[in-house]
């Protein structure tokens, strides 16, 4: 299994943790116009509970089969999220 965290000079890749729920929910709401067109789980009714479920499911999937999603970002900015989805898994 890969490490929980990979760090370079400009990038941090790490697995989700519970502290990511609020920022994830905020990022979805802030980006709804762009996300909504392409991702059916990104809708105006998206709730903090949806983000919590996604983070929980990501942590469980990490334990079962390795990384499926990882937040990432430049060291000086808030994290974006990179998702590598297996068939049959979805966000939200």
C-alpha atoms as a PDB file:
ATOM      1  CA  UNK A   1       0.000   0.000   0.000  1.00  0.00           C
ATOM      2  CA  UNK A   2       1.297   3.501  -0.784  1.00  0.00           C
ATOM      3  CA  UNK A   3       2.151   5.945   1.989  1.00  0.00           C
ATOM      4  CA  UNK A   4      -0.633   8.103   3.467  1.00  0.00           C
ATOM      5  CA  UNK A   5       1.170  11.256   2.349  1.00  0.00           C
ATOM      6  CA  UNK A   6       3.510  12.195  -0.504  1.00  0.00           C
ATOM      7  CA  UNK A   7       5.259  15.570  -0.325  1.00  0.00           C
ATOM      8  CA  UNK A   8       7.334  17.401  -2.925  1.00  0.00           C
ATOM      9  CA  UNK A   9       8.563  20.979  -3.050  1.00  0.00           C
ATOM     10  CA  UNK A  10       5.325  22.180  -4.692  1.00  0.00           C
ATOM     11  CA  UNK A  11       2.740  19.468  -4.104  1.00  0.00           C
ATOM     12  CA  UNK A  12       1.191  17.505  -1.269  1.00  0.00           C
ATOM     13  CA  UNK A  13      -0.823  14.336  -1.926  1.00  0.00           C
ATOM     14  CA  UNK A  14      -2.501  12.754   1.064  1.00  0.00           C
ATOM     15  CA  UNK A  15      -5.453  10.653   1.952  1.00  0.00           C
ATOM     16  CA  UNK A  16      -8.617  12.318   3.174  1.00  0.00           C
ATOM     17  CA  UNK A  17      -9.273  12.895   6.853  1.00  0.00           C
ATOM     18  CA  UNK A  18     -12.316  14.088   8.782  1.00  0.00           C
ATOM     19  CA  UNK A  19     -11.028  17.681   8.821  1.00  0.00           C
ATOM     20  CA  UNK A  20     -11.572  17.733   5.040  1.00  0.00           C
ATOM     21  CA  UNK A  21     -15.376  17.516   5.281  1.00  0.00           C
ATOM     22  CA  UNK A  22     -16.047  21.260   5.703  1.00  0.00           C
ATOM     23  CA  UNK A  23     -13.559  22.442   3.066  1.00  0.00           C
ATOM     24  CA  UNK A  24     -14.833  19.791   0.641  1.00  0.00           C
ATOM     25  CA  UNK A  25     -18.468  20.853   1.115  1.00  0.00           C
ATOM     26  CA  UNK A  26     -17.472  24.513   0.719  1.00  0.00           C
ATOM     27  CA  UNK A  27     -15.471  23.760  -2.440  1.00  0.00           C
ATOM     28  CA  UNK A  28     -18.408  21.901  -3.991  1.00  0.00           C
ATOM     29  CA  UNK A  29     -20.757  24.812  -3.274  1.00  0.00           C
ATOM     30  CA  UNK A  30     -18.217  27.364  -4.534  1.00  0.00           C
ATOM     31  CA  UNK A  31     -17.790  25.422  -7.790  1.00  0.00           C
ATOM     32  CA  UNK A  32     -21.349  24.218  -8.417  1.00  0.00           C
ATOM     33  CA  UNK A  33     -21.731  26.054 -11.722  1.00  0.00           C
ATOM     34  CA  UNK A  34     -18.689  24.298 -13.180  1.00  0.00           C
ATOM     35  CA  UNK A  35     -19.213  20.910 -11.526  1.00  0.00           C
ATOM     36  CA  UNK A  36     -22.960  20.572 -11.974  1.00  0.00           C
ATOM     37  CA  UNK A  37     -22.764  20.282 -15.754  1.00  0.00           C
ATOM     38  CA  UNK A  38     -20.486  17.232 -15.627  1.00  0.00           C
ATOM     39  CA  UNK A  39     -20.946  15.563 -12.247  1.00  0.00           C
ATOM     40  CA  UNK A  40     -24.455  14.495 -11.221  1.00  0.00           C
ATOM     41  CA  UNK A  41     -23.563  14.401  -7.511  1.00  0.00           C
ATOM     42  CA  UNK A  42     -22.745  18.148  -7.579  1.00  0.00           C
ATOM     43  CA  UNK A  43     -26.166  19.745  -7.223  1.00  0.00           C
ATOM     44  CA  UNK A  44     -27.623  22.672  -5.258  1.00  0.00           C
ATOM     45  CA  UNK A  45     -28.856  20.268  -2.578  1.00  0.00           C
ATOM     46  CA  UNK A  46     -25.338  18.955  -1.846  1.00  0.00           C
ATOM     47  CA  UNK A  47     -24.902  18.973   1.939  1.00  0.00           C
ATOM     48  CA  UNK A  48     -22.103  18.737   4.427  1.00  0.00           C
ATOM     49  CA  UNK A  49     -23.451  15.251   5.184  1.00  0.00           C
ATOM     50  CA  UNK A  50     -22.769  14.267   1.551  1.00  0.00           C
ATOM     51  CA  UNK A  51     -19.166  15.444   1.926  1.00  0.00           C
ATOM     52  CA  UNK A  52     -18.865  13.529   5.218  1.00  0.00           C
ATOM     53  CA  UNK A  53     -20.144  10.368   3.550  1.00  0.00           C
ATOM     54  CA  UNK A  54     -17.680  10.790   0.686  1.00  0.00           C
ATOM     55  CA  UNK A  55     -14.741  11.253   3.047  1.00  0.00           C
ATOM     56  CA  UNK A  56     -15.869   8.251   5.124  1.00  0.00           C
ATOM     57  CA  UNK A  57     -16.243   6.081   2.017  1.00  0.00           C
ATOM     58  CA  UNK A  58     -12.826   7.205   0.747  1.00  0.00           C
ATOM     59  CA  UNK A  59     -11.204   6.260   4.059  1.00  0.00           C
ATOM     60  CA  UNK A  60     -12.897   2.851   4.028  1.00  0.00           C
ATOM     61  CA  UNK A  61     -11.859   2.244   0.408  1.00  0.00           C
ATOM     62  CA  UNK A  62      -8.266   3.200   1.272  1.00  0.00           C
ATOM     63  CA  UNK A  63      -8.219   0.562   4.006  1.00  0.00           C
ATOM     64  CA  UNK A  64      -9.738  -2.070   1.722  1.00  0.00           C
ATOM     65  CA  UNK A  65      -7.915  -1.516  -1.543  1.00  0.00           C
ATOM     66  CA  UNK A  66      -5.537   1.424  -1.401  1.00  0.00           C
ATOM     67  CA  UNK A  67      -6.064   4.992  -2.542  1.00  0.00           C
ATOM     68  CA  UNK A  68      -9.124   5.905  -4.566  1.00  0.00           C
ATOM     69  CA  UNK A  69      -9.149   9.664  -3.950  1.00  0.00           C
ATOM     70  CA  UNK A  70      -6.590  12.054  -2.564  1.00  0.00           C
ATOM     71  CA  UNK A  71      -6.804  15.757  -1.764  1.00  0.00           C
ATOM     72  CA  UNK A  72      -3.946  17.644  -3.312  1.00  0.00           C
ATOM     73  CA  UNK A  73      -2.744  21.193  -3.555  1.00  0.00           C
ATOM     74  CA  UNK A  74       0.145  23.563  -3.728  1.00  0.00           C
ATOM     75  CA  UNK A  75       1.726  24.210  -0.364  1.00  0.00           C
ATOM     76  CA  UNK A  76       0.350  27.762  -0.227  1.00  0.00           C
ATOM     77  CA  UNK A  77      -3.203  27.213  -1.475  1.00  0.00           C
ATOM     78  CA  UNK A  78      -6.246  25.313  -0.324  1.00  0.00           C
ATOM     79  CA  UNK A  79      -6.497  21.736  -1.477  1.00  0.00           C
ATOM     80  CA  UNK A  80      -8.229  20.562  -4.593  1.00  0.00           C
ATOM     81  CA  UNK A  81      -9.349  16.976  -4.872  1.00  0.00           C
ATOM     82  CA  UNK A  82      -8.178  14.377  -7.314  1.00  0.00           C
ATOM     83  CA  UNK A  83     -10.403  11.352  -7.592  1.00  0.00           C
ATOM     84  CA  UNK A  84      -9.431   8.038  -9.101  1.00  0.00           C
ATOM     85  CA  UNK A  85     -12.675   6.123  -9.162  1.00  0.00           C
ATOM     86  CA  UNK A  86     -13.179   2.434  -9.557  1.00  0.00           C
ATOM     87  CA  UNK A  87     -16.148   1.300 -11.579  1.00  0.00           C
ATOM     88  CA  UNK A  88     -19.289   1.272  -9.459  1.00  0.00           C
ATOM     89  CA  UNK A  89     -18.153   3.911  -6.950  1.00  0.00           C
ATOM     90  CA  UNK A  90     -19.452   7.452  -7.073  1.00  0.00           C
ATOM     91  CA  UNK A  91     -19.335  10.599  -5.014  1.00  0.00           C
ATOM     92  CA  UNK A  92     -22.445  11.745  -3.203  1.00  0.00           C
END
